[in-house]
Amino acid sequence: MAHSHGHTPAAWTGSIIAFVGFCVASAFVVLAQPVGVIAGLVVIGAGAVIGGIMRAAGMGQSKSPGLTAEQAQAHKLAHEQAHRPVAGKAHS
């Protein structure tokens, strides 16, 4: 099952806008200008909103349907078998 790990237009756009907002807010913290800090925080929020809107418009990663009950049980069984201790062998 391949995933894009968030490499979508919505994720990139939201992250870049939020990063710019973080840089603006940080610069104004250093300059001791509260209005600039608030403006930077607004830009960060705008990045989240814009990224969410883009995702809703279909430019984000689609949700995985998840595992069925049978797939989950098979996965659990395989995991238990792979990690079962071998009798008579010292665990290092």
C-alpha atoms as a PDB file:
ATOM      1  CA  MET A   1       0.000   0.000   0.000  1.00  0.00           C
ATOM      2  CA  ALA A   2       1.761   3.163  -1.192  1.00  0.00           C
ATOM      3  CA  HIS A   3       1.177   6.502   0.471  1.00  0.00           C
ATOM      4  CA  SER A   4       2.400   9.918  -0.567  1.00  0.00           C
ATOM      5  CA  HIS A   5       3.281  10.840   3.037  1.00  0.00           C
ATOM      6  CA  GLY A   6       1.671  14.246   2.627  1.00  0.00           C
ATOM      7  CA  HIS A   7       3.390  15.193  -0.616  1.00  0.00           C
ATOM      8  CA  THR A   8       0.284  16.828  -2.039  1.00  0.00           C
ATOM      9  CA  PRO A   9      -0.462  20.353  -3.265  1.00  0.00           C
ATOM     10  CA  ALA A  10      -2.676  20.973  -0.220  1.00  0.00           C
ATOM     11  CA  ALA A  11       0.011  19.866   2.244  1.00  0.00           C
ATOM     12  CA  TRP A  12       2.785  21.805   0.551  1.00  0.00           C
ATOM     13  CA  THR A  13       0.732  24.984   0.251  1.00  0.00           C
ATOM     14  CA  GLY A  14      -0.486  24.884   3.847  1.00  0.00           C
ATOM     15  CA  SER A  15       3.011  24.146   5.156  1.00  0.00           C
ATOM     16  CA  ILE A  16       4.686  26.895   3.137  1.00  0.00           C
ATOM     17  CA  ILE A  17       2.119  29.505   4.182  1.00  0.00           C
ATOM     18  CA  ALA A  18       2.443  28.439   7.834  1.00  0.00           C
ATOM     19  CA  PHE A  19       6.250  28.585   7.568  1.00  0.00           C
ATOM     20  CA  VAL A  20       6.086  32.137   6.203  1.00  0.00           C
ATOM     21  CA  GLY A  21       3.757  33.073   9.065  1.00  0.00           C
ATOM     22  CA  PHE A  22       6.187  31.527  11.556  1.00  0.00           C
ATOM     23  CA  CYS A  23       9.069  33.560  10.065  1.00  0.00           C
ATOM     24  CA  VAL A  24       7.033  36.778  10.196  1.00  0.00           C
ATOM     25  CA  ALA A  25       5.943  36.180  13.794  1.00  0.00           C
ATOM     26  CA  SER A  26       9.491  35.270  14.842  1.00  0.00           C
ATOM     27  CA  ALA A  27      10.961  38.393  13.263  1.00  0.00           C
ATOM     28  CA  PHE A  28       8.455  40.607  15.025  1.00  0.00           C
ATOM     29  CA  VAL A  29       9.089  38.869  18.354  1.00  0.00           C
ATOM     30  CA  VAL A  30      12.732  39.870  18.019  1.00  0.00           C
ATOM     31  CA  LEU A  31      11.703  43.402  17.050  1.00  0.00           C
ATOM     32  CA  ALA A  32       9.266  43.536  20.009  1.00  0.00           C
ATOM     33  CA  GLN A  33       6.330  44.482  17.792  1.00  0.00           C
ATOM     34  CA  PRO A  34       3.175  42.727  19.049  1.00  0.00           C
ATOM     35  CA  VAL A  35       1.071  43.706  16.026  1.00  0.00           C
ATOM     36  CA  GLY A  36       3.541  41.965  13.714  1.00  0.00           C
ATOM     37  CA  VAL A  37       3.514  38.866  15.924  1.00  0.00           C
ATOM     38  CA  ILE A  38      -0.272  38.744  15.730  1.00  0.00           C
ATOM     39  CA  ALA A  39      -0.121  39.207  11.949  1.00  0.00           C
ATOM     40  CA  GLY A  40       2.290  36.268  11.712  1.00  0.00           C
ATOM     41  CA  LEU A  41      -0.031  34.125  13.832  1.00  0.00           C
ATOM     42  CA  VAL A  42      -2.927  35.041  11.532  1.00  0.00           C
ATOM     43  CA  VAL A  43      -0.858  33.917   8.534  1.00  0.00           C
ATOM     44  CA  ILE A  44      -0.141  30.596  10.284  1.00  0.00           C
ATOM     45  CA  GLY A  45      -3.874  30.106  10.813  1.00  0.00           C
ATOM     46  CA  ALA A  46      -4.530  31.038   7.194  1.00  0.00           C
ATOM     47  CA  GLY A  47      -2.114  28.304   6.116  1.00  0.00           C
ATOM     48  CA  ALA A  48      -4.113  25.730   8.040  1.00  0.00           C
ATOM     49  CA  VAL A  49      -7.411  26.980   6.622  1.00  0.00           C
ATOM     50  CA  ILE A  50      -6.147  27.167   3.033  1.00  0.00           C
ATOM     51  CA  GLY A  51      -4.577  23.700   3.270  1.00  0.00           C
ATOM     52  CA  GLY A  52      -7.861  22.336   4.616  1.00  0.00           C
ATOM     53  CA  ILE A  53      -9.872  23.970   1.854  1.00  0.00           C
ATOM     54  CA  MET A  54      -7.516  22.566  -0.780  1.00  0.00           C
ATOM     55  CA  ARG A  55      -7.797  19.092   0.754  1.00  0.00           C
ATOM     56  CA  ALA A  56     -11.588  19.347   0.717  1.00  0.00           C
ATOM     57  CA  ALA A  57     -11.346  20.371  -2.945  1.00  0.00           C
ATOM     58  CA  GLY A  58      -9.559  17.103  -3.725  1.00  0.00           C
ATOM     59  CA  MET A  59      -5.947  18.284  -3.776  1.00  0.00           C
ATOM     60  CA  GLY A  60      -4.960  16.416  -0.626  1.00  0.00           C
ATOM     61  CA  GLN A  61      -4.245  12.811   0.231  1.00  0.00           C
ATOM     62  CA  SER A  62      -7.322  10.615   0.217  1.00  0.00           C
ATOM     63  CA  LYS A  63      -8.122   8.686   3.361  1.00  0.00           C
ATOM     64  CA  SER A  64      -7.155   5.045   3.460  1.00  0.00           C
ATOM     65  CA  PRO A  65     -10.158   2.760   3.885  1.00  0.00           C
ATOM     66  CA  GLY A  66      -8.287   0.883   6.619  1.00  0.00           C
ATOM     67  CA  LEU A  67      -8.125  -2.833   7.277  1.00  0.00           C
ATOM     68  CA  THR A  68     -11.035  -5.203   7.311  1.00  0.00           C
ATOM     69  CA  ALA A  69     -11.531  -7.322  10.430  1.00  0.00           C
ATOM     70  CA  GLU A  70     -10.024 -10.333   8.617  1.00  0.00           C
ATOM     71  CA  GLN A  71      -6.979  -8.350   7.489  1.00  0.00           C
ATOM     72  CA  ALA A  72      -6.433  -6.998  10.993  1.00  0.00           C
ATOM     73  CA  GLN A  73      -6.627 -10.504  12.484  1.00  0.00           C
ATOM     74  CA  ALA A  74      -4.185 -11.877   9.882  1.00  0.00           C
ATOM     75  CA  HIS A  75      -1.793  -8.999  10.567  1.00  0.00           C
ATOM     76  CA  LYS A  76      -1.954  -9.606  14.322  1.00  0.00           C
ATOM     77  CA  LEU A  77      -1.328 -13.335  13.863  1.00  0.00           C
ATOM     78  CA  ALA A  78       1.648 -12.729  11.569  1.00  0.00           C
ATOM     79  CA  HIS A  79       3.094 -10.233  14.048  1.00  0.00           C
ATOM     80  CA  GLU A  80       2.744 -12.670  16.946  1.00  0.00           C
ATOM     81  CA  GLN A  81       4.383 -15.471  14.961  1.00  0.00           C
ATOM     82  CA  ALA A  82       7.280 -13.253  13.920  1.00  0.00           C
ATOM     83  CA  HIS A  83       7.977 -12.220  17.505  1.00  0.00           C
ATOM     84  CA  ARG A  84       7.411 -15.548  19.245  1.00  0.00           C
ATOM     85  CA  PRO A  85      10.458 -16.555  21.326  1.00  0.00           C
ATOM     86  CA  VAL A  86      12.262 -19.698  20.213  1.00  0.00           C
ATOM     87  CA  ALA A  87      12.276 -22.434  22.906  1.00  0.00           C
ATOM     88  CA  GLY A  88      15.708 -23.326  24.288  1.00  0.00           C
ATOM     89  CA  LYS A  89      17.402 -20.276  22.810  1.00  0.00           C
ATOM     90  CA  ALA A  90      18.755 -17.594  25.105  1.00  0.00           C
ATOM     91  CA  HIS A  91      17.414 -14.123  24.382  1.00  0.00           C
ATOM     92  CA  SER A  92      20.271 -11.688  23.862  1.00  0.00           C
END
